[in-house]
Amino acid sequence: MSLSATKFVHPITAPPSTRSSDKPLFSTFFGSNHTKLRFNKPIVAAQRRSSSAASTSSPVVAVSDVVKEKKLKSASNLLITKEEGLVLYEDMILGRFFEDMCAQMYYRGKMFGFVHLYNGQEAVSTGFIKFLKKEDYVVSTYRDHVHALSKGVPAREVMSELFGKATGCCRGQGGSMHMFSKQHNLLGGFAFIGEGIPVATGAAFSSKYRREVLKEPGADEVTLAFFGDGTCNNGQFYECLNMAALWKLPIVFVVENNLWAIGMSHLRATSDPQIWKKGPAFGMPGIHVDGMDVLKVREVAKEAIERARRGEGPTLVECETYRFRGHSLADPDELRDPAEKAHYAGRDPITALKKYLFDNKLASEQELKAIDKKIEELLDEAVEFADESPLPPRSQLLENVFADPKGFGIGPDGKYRCEDPKFTQGTAHV
């Protein structure tokens, strides 16, 4: 499979009578086949007030051959340099190997609760987050481990958080679905779908306010809001798209459309499966990109992030991807058609990137194996660190619960109430 930007195929459709509930329709790519990326052309008020007939030709945007056309005009046809390619590969390998290690640790009883893995979707996290500055914000979902790693949170801190240890990025109080790092501007993973979108919108508003009202120099942060296809049927999604477009907030809404909302096929869950089309409905560009191709994702991310940083407003990007494992590690994954899973396994984004690097002589097999070994050693150390780290002290129980640190959690004597032997009197001990 080539990673060069090729024209997307027409969506595969079938009459309703031919669709089977137990054999969900799937395609290589069911998104748009428009031929231009029109990020910079504004949707003027007159266009928004046009008739319904005219609205069918509104400036809907989608990914296509424009990436290739841009590159062909340059001195080189290569989409990335050797250094960029190795950075992308290392980040994607870190995400894949980390999640594989999580599965091992989960089944060994080192992790508890729900753990949702990211295998197969690495091109989205790497393609977007590696274009951010340290000051930019990322808001994630319950599938947040790899977003945290791409944003720079050390693997040992993420692993420790999964182990519920005090050395985790949330001191063991967040767990798998609540990764957070103030230092890296990771504003959290969220257990409920749609929770993070208003938080991301608020972060983007804060950036705009500090830049335009407080006149803070260098306040040009961009926020990425990640969420899945199932979230796009929730109210928060529409409300925040409206607000972001109305105020031209510096935010990119990134839909990780892995085609399944837990056990519900995306094609059976929404009246129009092409999520990117919801962007122009709110006056922002809507882009559909192959989320299994890190180079295509990277080109779209560059345009959308730079557009937001220039003050031109939000963008909705639908990345069509696929998760290789079940919804969580507790999911036996019996609902998806084996043929569908095999089809997308053949489009593994890491395998595709390796092929591009080899075909264009950007990396040797020895160089990539050295990266693999480096990541394996890093993760072995992360597991050892997490395993040996202490559990959170009992006194931490009520921290980060109340805004006032001297509120309910601390008694008149200045000591934590939970340290009082009578604190849990009459309650069940777990």
Protein backbone atom coordinates (compact mmCIF):
# COMPACT_ATOMS: atom_id res chain seq x y z
CA MET A 1 0.00 0.00 0.00
CA SER A 2 1.36 3.37 -0.98
CA LEU A 3 1.11 6.28 1.38
CA SER A 4 1.11 8.86 -1.38
CA ALA A 5 -1.97 11.03 -1.45
CA THR A 6 -4.30 9.36 -3.91
CA LYS A 7 -7.83 10.22 -4.87
CA PHE A 8 -10.37 8.68 -2.53
CA VAL A 9 -12.80 6.21 -3.97
CA HIS A 10 -16.52 6.80 -4.24
CA PRO A 11 -18.50 5.70 -1.22
CA ILE A 12 -19.92 2.21 -1.38
CA THR A 13 -23.67 2.27 -0.98
CA ALA A 14 -26.36 -0.36 -0.92
CA PRO A 15 -30.13 -0.18 -0.99
CA PRO A 16 -31.64 -0.52 2.48
CA SER A 17 -33.25 -3.82 1.56
CA THR A 18 -29.84 -5.41 0.90
CA ARG A 19 -28.25 -4.38 4.18
CA SER A 20 -28.10 -7.03 6.86
CA SER A 21 -28.09 -6.16 10.54
CA ASP A 22 -25.70 -8.99 11.31
CA LYS A 23 -23.41 -8.24 8.36
CA PRO A 24 -22.70 -4.51 8.57
CA LEU A 25 -21.82 -2.70 5.38
CA PHE A 26 -18.25 -1.50 5.29
CA SER A 27 -16.01 -0.02 2.68
CA THR A 28 -12.43 0.93 2.08
CA PHE A 29 -13.49 4.54 2.37
CA PHE A 30 -17.05 5.80 2.51
CA GLY A 31 -16.24 9.50 2.74
CA SER A 32 -16.25 12.36 0.31
CA ASN A 33 -14.61 12.31 -3.10
CA HIS A 34 -14.43 16.07 -3.53
CA THR A 35 -11.38 17.32 -5.40
CA LYS A 36 -10.27 20.38 -3.45
CA LEU A 37 -9.12 21.36 -0.02
CA ARG A 38 -10.66 24.78 0.52
CA PHE A 39 -9.52 25.75 3.98
CA ASN A 40 -9.04 29.43 3.38
CA LYS A 41 -12.15 30.38 1.43
CA PRO A 42 -14.63 31.89 3.92
CA ILE A 43 -18.31 31.04 3.88
CA VAL A 44 -19.83 34.47 3.61
CA ALA A 45 -23.18 35.45 5.05
CA ALA A 46 -24.75 35.67 1.61
CA GLN A 47 -23.86 32.05 0.95
CA ARG A 48 -25.35 30.98 4.27
CA ARG A 49 -28.60 32.79 3.39
CA SER A 50 -28.82 31.21 -0.06
CA SER A 51 -31.59 28.87 -1.09
CA SER A 52 -31.50 25.15 -0.43
CA ALA A 53 -30.73 24.52 -4.09
CA ALA A 54 -27.70 26.78 -3.95
CA SER A 55 -26.60 25.30 -0.65
CA THR A 56 -25.80 22.01 -2.34
CA SER A 57 -22.79 23.74 -3.88
CA SER A 58 -21.61 25.39 -0.66
CA PRO A 59 -17.87 25.24 0.01
CA VAL A 60 -17.80 21.76 1.48
CA VAL A 61 -14.19 20.67 1.77
CA ALA A 62 -12.60 17.27 1.67
CA VAL A 63 -9.23 15.65 1.16
CA SER A 64 -8.10 14.65 -2.32
CA ASP A 65 -5.24 14.96 -4.78
CA VAL A 66 -4.44 18.48 -3.61
CA VAL A 67 -1.74 17.15 -1.27
CA LYS A 68 0.01 15.40 -4.13
CA GLU A 69 -0.39 18.45 -6.39
CA LYS A 70 1.23 20.68 -3.76
CA LYS A 71 4.17 18.32 -3.36
CA LEU A 72 4.72 17.89 -7.09
CA LYS A 73 5.33 21.62 -7.37
CA SER A 74 8.17 21.38 -4.88
CA ALA A 75 11.71 20.24 -5.56
CA SER A 76 11.01 16.81 -4.10
CA ASN A 77 8.06 14.48 -4.44
CA LEU A 78 8.65 13.13 -0.93
CA LEU A 79 5.97 13.94 1.62
CA ILE A 80 8.40 13.86 4.58
CA THR A 81 12.09 14.02 5.34
CA LYS A 82 14.04 11.16 6.83
CA GLU A 83 14.04 12.82 10.26
CA GLU A 84 10.30 13.42 10.15
CA GLY A 85 9.67 9.85 9.07
CA LEU A 86 11.66 8.42 11.97
CA VAL A 87 9.84 10.67 14.45
CA LEU A 88 6.47 9.53 13.11
CA TYR A 89 7.49 5.89 13.17
CA GLU A 90 8.84 6.05 16.72
CA ASP A 91 5.70 7.74 18.03
CA MET A 92 3.41 5.21 16.34
CA ILE A 93 5.51 2.28 17.58
CA LEU A 94 5.45 3.72 21.09
CA GLY A 95 1.66 3.85 20.97
CA ARG A 96 1.26 0.34 19.54
CA PHE A 97 3.78 -1.36 21.83
CA PHE A 98 2.44 0.49 24.87
CA GLU A 99 -1.09 -0.73 24.24
CA ASP A 100 0.12 -4.28 23.65
CA MET A 101 1.91 -4.11 26.99
CA CYS A 102 -1.27 -2.80 28.62
CA ALA A 103 -3.13 -5.89 27.41
CA GLN A 104 -0.48 -8.12 28.98
CA MET A 105 -0.59 -6.26 32.28
CA TYR A 106 -4.40 -6.22 32.34
CA TYR A 107 -4.67 -9.97 31.95
CA ARG A 108 -1.99 -10.42 34.62
CA GLY A 109 -4.16 -8.49 37.06
CA LYS A 110 -2.01 -5.37 37.23
CA MET A 111 -4.83 -3.12 35.95
CA PHE A 112 -8.48 -2.98 36.88
CA GLY A 113 -11.68 -1.58 35.49
CA PHE A 114 -12.24 -0.75 31.84
CA VAL A 115 -9.18 -0.35 29.64
CA HIS A 116 -9.78 0.81 26.06
CA LEU A 117 -6.87 0.30 23.67
CA TYR A 118 -5.92 2.38 20.63
CA ASN A 119 -4.37 -0.26 18.35
CA GLY A 120 -4.96 0.62 14.70
CA GLN A 121 -5.67 4.32 15.24
CA GLU A 122 -2.08 5.49 15.78
CA ALA A 123 -1.95 7.50 12.55
CA VAL A 124 -4.53 9.92 13.95
CA SER A 125 -2.79 10.65 17.25
CA THR A 126 0.67 10.90 15.69
CA GLY A 127 -0.47 12.78 12.60
CA PHE A 128 -2.16 15.52 14.62
CA ILE A 129 -0.37 15.83 17.94
CA LYS A 130 3.14 15.86 16.48
CA PHE A 131 2.23 19.14 14.74
CA LEU A 132 1.41 20.87 18.01
CA LYS A 133 3.55 23.12 20.16
CA LYS A 134 4.07 22.24 23.80
CA GLU A 135 1.74 25.09 24.78
CA ASP A 136 -1.15 23.74 22.68
CA TYR A 137 -3.95 21.78 24.33
CA VAL A 138 -5.23 18.26 23.78
CA VAL A 139 -8.55 16.95 25.10
CA SER A 140 -9.01 13.22 24.79
CA THR A 141 -11.59 10.47 25.33
CA TYR A 142 -11.61 7.25 27.36
CA ARG A 143 -9.19 5.87 24.73
CA ASP A 144 -6.52 8.29 25.90
CA HIS A 145 -3.23 6.49 26.63
CA VAL A 146 -1.70 7.10 23.20
CA HIS A 147 -2.85 10.73 23.05
CA ALA A 148 -0.99 11.26 26.32
CA LEU A 149 2.15 9.60 24.98
CA SER A 150 2.07 11.61 21.74
CA LYS A 151 1.69 14.83 23.76
CA GLY A 152 4.86 14.00 25.68
CA VAL A 153 3.64 12.47 28.95
CA PRO A 154 6.37 9.95 29.92
CA ALA A 155 5.46 6.30 29.41
CA ARG A 156 6.33 5.48 33.03
CA GLU A 157 3.80 8.06 34.27
CA VAL A 158 1.06 6.73 32.01
CA MET A 159 1.80 3.12 32.98
CA SER A 160 1.88 4.02 36.68
CA GLU A 161 -1.49 5.71 36.35
CA LEU A 162 -2.88 2.54 34.80
CA PHE A 163 -1.46 0.58 37.73
CA GLY A 164 -3.17 3.02 40.12
CA LYS A 165 0.12 4.11 41.65
CA ALA A 166 1.09 7.39 43.30
CA THR A 167 3.73 8.05 40.61
CA GLY A 168 1.11 8.18 37.85
CA CYS A 169 0.35 11.38 35.98
CA CYS A 170 -2.77 11.76 38.18
CA ARG A 171 -1.15 10.19 41.25
CA GLY A 172 -3.19 7.04 40.73
CA GLN A 173 -6.56 8.73 41.08
CA GLY A 174 -7.49 8.88 37.40
CA GLY A 175 -6.75 5.48 35.93
CA SER A 176 -7.13 4.42 32.33
CA MET A 177 -9.87 6.83 31.28
CA HIS A 178 -8.67 9.98 33.05
CA MET A 179 -5.16 10.79 31.91
CA PHE A 180 -4.28 14.41 32.70
CA SER A 181 -1.09 16.43 32.70
CA LYS A 182 -0.95 20.14 33.44
CA GLN A 183 2.72 20.17 32.45
CA HIS A 184 1.94 18.88 28.96
CA ASN A 185 -1.42 20.68 28.54
CA LEU A 186 -3.28 17.40 28.31
CA LEU A 187 -6.65 18.43 29.68
CA GLY A 188 -7.87 14.95 30.39
CA GLY A 189 -9.38 11.79 29.16
CA PHE A 190 -13.12 11.53 29.80
CA ALA A 191 -15.11 8.43 30.63
CA PHE A 192 -18.39 9.65 29.12
CA ILE A 193 -18.64 10.44 25.43
CA GLY A 194 -18.91 14.13 24.63
CA GLU A 195 -17.65 15.29 28.05
CA GLY A 196 -14.38 16.61 26.69
CA ILE A 197 -15.77 18.69 23.82
CA PRO A 198 -17.06 21.57 26.02
CA VAL A 199 -13.79 21.51 27.97
CA ALA A 200 -11.83 21.82 24.71
CA THR A 201 -14.11 24.62 23.53
CA GLY A 202 -13.50 26.44 26.80
CA ALA A 203 -9.74 26.05 26.42
CA ALA A 204 -9.93 27.48 22.91
CA PHE A 205 -12.03 30.40 24.17
CA SER A 206 -9.42 31.05 26.87
CA SER A 207 -6.67 31.23 24.22
CA LYS A 208 -8.67 33.65 22.09
CA TYR A 209 -9.58 35.81 25.09
CA ARG A 210 -5.98 36.06 26.29
CA ARG A 211 -4.80 36.97 22.81
CA GLU A 212 -7.51 39.42 21.74
CA VAL A 213 -8.70 40.92 25.04
CA LEU A 214 -5.76 40.65 27.43
CA LYS A 215 -3.29 41.18 24.55
CA GLU A 216 -0.90 38.57 25.93
CA PRO A 217 2.08 38.17 23.60
CA GLY A 218 2.40 34.73 22.04
CA ALA A 219 -1.05 33.59 23.16
CA ASP A 220 -1.75 31.62 19.99
CA GLU A 221 -2.45 28.18 21.46
CA VAL A 222 -4.56 25.74 19.46
CA THR A 223 -6.77 23.08 21.02
CA LEU A 224 -7.39 19.61 19.60
CA ALA A 225 -10.62 17.92 20.66
CA PHE A 226 -10.59 14.17 19.98
CA PHE A 227 -13.79 12.13 20.03
CA GLY A 228 -15.40 9.18 18.26
CA ASP A 229 -18.13 8.70 15.70
CA GLY A 230 -20.71 7.80 18.36
CA THR A 231 -20.20 11.17 20.04
CA CYS A 232 -21.28 12.99 16.89
CA ASN A 233 -24.91 12.15 17.65
CA ASN A 234 -24.74 13.93 21.04
CA GLY A 235 -25.87 17.44 21.82
CA GLN A 236 -22.54 18.71 23.14
CA PHE A 237 -21.01 18.13 19.71
CA TYR A 238 -23.49 20.38 17.91
CA GLU A 239 -23.57 23.05 20.61
CA CYS A 240 -19.81 23.38 20.66
CA LEU A 241 -19.48 23.39 16.87
CA ASN A 242 -21.93 26.28 16.81
CA MET A 243 -20.11 28.22 19.54
CA ALA A 244 -16.67 27.60 18.04
CA ALA A 245 -17.75 28.76 14.60
CA LEU A 246 -19.66 31.76 15.98
CA TRP A 247 -16.62 33.01 17.92
CA LYS A 248 -13.97 31.70 15.47
CA LEU A 249 -12.21 29.79 18.21
CA PRO A 250 -8.74 28.25 17.61
CA ILE A 251 -9.86 24.63 17.83
CA VAL A 252 -9.78 21.54 15.62
CA PHE A 253 -12.50 18.95 16.18
CA VAL A 254 -10.97 15.56 15.35
CA VAL A 255 -13.42 12.71 14.84
CA GLU A 256 -11.73 9.33 15.23
CA ASN A 257 -14.33 7.43 13.26
CA ASN A 258 -13.40 3.79 13.88
CA LEU A 259 -16.78 2.76 12.45
CA TRP A 260 -18.08 1.24 15.68
CA ALA A 261 -19.66 2.86 18.75
CA ILE A 262 -19.03 0.02 21.22
CA GLY A 263 -21.11 -2.65 19.42
CA MET A 264 -23.15 -0.43 17.11
CA SER A 265 -22.04 -0.01 13.52
CA HIS A 266 -21.63 3.64 12.59
CA LEU A 267 -23.57 3.04 9.37
CA ARG A 268 -26.61 1.93 11.38
CA ALA A 269 -26.39 4.64 14.04
CA THR A 270 -26.66 7.89 12.11
CA SER A 271 -28.85 9.20 9.31
CA ASP A 272 -25.83 10.40 7.32
CA PRO A 273 -22.57 8.53 8.01
CA GLN A 274 -20.42 11.28 6.47
CA ILE A 275 -19.62 13.23 9.62
CA TRP A 276 -17.38 15.77 7.90
CA LYS A 277 -20.46 17.28 6.21
CA LYS A 278 -21.62 18.64 9.58
CA GLY A 279 -18.76 21.17 9.53
CA PRO A 280 -20.04 23.36 6.68
CA ALA A 281 -23.51 23.26 8.26
CA PHE A 282 -22.04 25.35 11.08
CA GLY A 283 -19.88 27.54 8.84
CA MET A 284 -16.55 25.74 9.21
CA PRO A 285 -14.57 23.49 6.86
CA GLY A 286 -15.34 19.79 7.08
CA ILE A 287 -12.62 17.40 5.95
CA HIS A 288 -12.61 13.65 5.48
CA VAL A 289 -9.25 11.89 5.54
CA ASP A 290 -7.90 8.37 5.49
CA GLY A 291 -7.16 7.85 9.18
CA MET A 292 -5.06 4.78 8.43
CA ASP A 293 -2.51 6.91 6.55
CA VAL A 294 -0.35 9.06 8.84
CA LEU A 295 0.95 11.17 5.96
CA LYS A 296 -2.51 12.14 4.77
CA VAL A 297 -3.57 12.87 8.35
CA ARG A 298 -0.42 14.92 8.83
CA GLU A 299 -1.12 17.13 5.81
CA VAL A 300 -4.67 17.82 6.95
CA ALA A 301 -3.51 18.45 10.53
CA LYS A 302 -0.96 20.99 9.32
CA GLU A 303 -3.57 22.97 7.40
CA ALA A 304 -6.20 22.86 10.15
CA ILE A 305 -3.83 23.73 13.01
CA GLU A 306 -2.18 26.57 11.11
CA ARG A 307 -5.60 27.88 10.12
CA ALA A 308 -6.69 27.93 13.76
CA ARG A 309 -3.45 29.59 14.86
CA ARG A 310 -3.94 32.36 12.29
CA GLY A 311 -7.29 33.17 13.89
CA GLU A 312 -9.39 31.82 11.03
CA GLY A 313 -11.52 29.61 13.23
CA PRO A 314 -12.31 25.92 13.77
CA THR A 315 -12.18 22.92 11.46
CA LEU A 316 -13.99 19.59 11.67
CA VAL A 317 -11.82 16.66 10.55
CA GLU A 318 -13.22 13.17 10.17
CA CYS A 319 -10.46 10.57 10.28
CA GLU A 320 -11.78 7.24 9.06
CA THR A 321 -9.83 4.65 11.01
CA TYR A 322 -10.36 1.28 12.72
CA ARG A 323 -9.59 -0.22 16.10
CA PHE A 324 -7.94 -3.63 15.89
CA ARG A 325 -9.14 -4.79 19.31
CA GLY A 326 -12.54 -4.89 20.96
CA HIS A 327 -14.15 -1.81 22.46
CA SER A 328 -12.33 -2.55 25.71
CA LEU A 329 -10.26 -5.43 27.04
CA ALA A 330 -13.48 -6.80 28.54
CA ASP A 331 -15.09 -6.96 25.08
CA PRO A 332 -14.91 -10.39 23.37
CA ASP A 333 -15.31 -8.55 20.03
CA GLU A 334 -17.82 -10.99 18.56
CA LEU A 335 -20.07 -8.47 16.82
CA ARG A 336 -17.78 -7.31 14.03
CA ASP A 337 -17.57 -9.27 10.80
CA PRO A 338 -14.24 -11.18 10.63
CA ALA A 339 -13.92 -10.13 6.99
CA GLU A 340 -14.18 -6.49 8.01
CA LYS A 341 -11.50 -6.89 10.67
CA ALA A 342 -9.22 -8.68 8.21
CA HIS A 343 -9.74 -5.95 5.63
CA TYR A 344 -8.63 -3.19 7.97
CA ALA A 345 -5.81 -5.28 9.44
CA GLY A 346 -4.41 -5.27 5.91
CA ARG A 347 -4.33 -1.47 6.07
CA ASP A 348 -2.25 -1.28 9.26
CA PRO A 349 -0.95 2.33 9.45
CA ILE A 350 2.44 1.29 10.84
CA THR A 351 3.01 -1.28 8.09
CA ALA A 352 2.04 1.34 5.51
CA LEU A 353 4.46 3.91 6.93
CA LYS A 354 7.29 1.36 6.97
CA LYS A 355 6.62 0.58 3.31
CA TYR A 356 6.76 4.28 2.44
CA LEU A 357 10.04 4.72 4.31
CA PHE A 358 11.58 1.68 2.60
CA ASP A 359 10.25 2.49 -0.89
CA ASN A 360 11.66 6.02 -0.71
CA LYS A 361 14.93 4.98 0.94
CA LEU A 362 14.22 7.13 3.99
CA ALA A 363 15.10 4.41 6.49
CA SER A 364 16.70 1.00 6.61
CA GLU A 365 15.34 -2.07 8.30
CA GLN A 366 18.17 -1.84 10.86
CA GLU A 367 17.18 1.72 11.80
CA LEU A 368 13.57 0.75 12.40
CA LYS A 369 14.56 -2.35 14.36
CA ALA A 370 16.74 -0.13 16.55
CA ILE A 371 13.69 2.04 17.27
CA ASP A 372 11.63 -1.06 18.08
CA LYS A 373 14.28 -2.22 20.54
CA LYS A 374 14.51 1.23 22.13
CA ILE A 375 10.74 1.33 22.71
CA GLU A 376 10.67 -2.22 24.08
CA GLU A 377 13.35 -1.32 26.63
CA LEU A 378 11.51 1.90 27.51
CA LEU A 379 8.30 -0.02 28.19
CA ASP A 380 10.05 -2.71 30.21
CA GLU A 381 11.43 0.06 32.40
CA ALA A 382 7.99 1.71 32.61
CA VAL A 383 6.38 -1.53 33.81
CA GLU A 384 9.12 -2.10 36.36
CA PHE A 385 8.79 1.48 37.59
CA ALA A 386 5.01 1.22 37.87
CA ASP A 387 5.13 -2.15 39.60
CA GLU A 388 7.59 -0.92 42.23
CA SER A 389 5.89 2.43 42.82
CA PRO A 390 3.85 2.93 46.00
CA LEU A 391 0.08 3.00 46.17
CA PRO A 392 -1.49 6.39 46.94
CA PRO A 393 -1.64 7.10 50.69
CA ARG A 394 -5.02 7.02 52.36
CA SER A 395 -4.63 10.72 53.13
CA GLN A 396 -4.91 11.41 49.38
CA LEU A 397 -8.49 10.16 49.31
CA LEU A 398 -10.16 13.56 49.48
CA GLU A 399 -7.53 15.59 47.65
CA ASN A 400 -8.61 17.11 44.33
CA VAL A 401 -12.25 16.72 45.38
CA PHE A 402 -12.95 20.11 46.95
CA ALA A 403 -11.71 23.45 45.67
CA ASP A 404 -10.88 24.63 49.19
CA PRO A 405 -7.97 22.51 50.48
CA LYS A 406 -9.05 23.39 54.03
CA GLY A 407 -12.65 22.43 53.38
CA PHE A 408 -14.38 19.19 54.24
CA GLY A 409 -11.27 17.07 53.72
CA ILE A 410 -9.24 18.78 56.46
CA GLY A 411 -10.39 19.06 60.07
CA PRO A 412 -9.93 21.96 62.54
CA ASP A 413 -6.67 20.43 63.72
CA GLY A 414 -5.24 20.71 60.19
CA LYS A 415 -5.16 16.96 59.66
CA TYR A 416 -6.98 15.05 56.96
CA ARG A 417 -10.34 13.84 58.24
CA CYS A 418 -9.82 10.50 56.51
CA GLU A 419 -6.87 9.87 58.84
CA ASP A 420 -9.27 9.85 61.78
CA PRO A 421 -10.04 6.20 62.63
CA LYS A 422 -13.70 7.19 63.05
CA PHE A 423 -13.89 8.66 59.53
CA THR A 424 -15.03 5.41 57.90
CA GLN A 425 -17.02 4.19 60.89
CA GLY A 426 -20.28 2.66 59.76
CA THR A 427 -19.15 2.30 56.14
CA ALA A 428 -18.07 -0.76 54.23
CA HIS A 429 -14.33 -1.32 53.95
CA VAL A 430 -13.18 -2.26 50.46
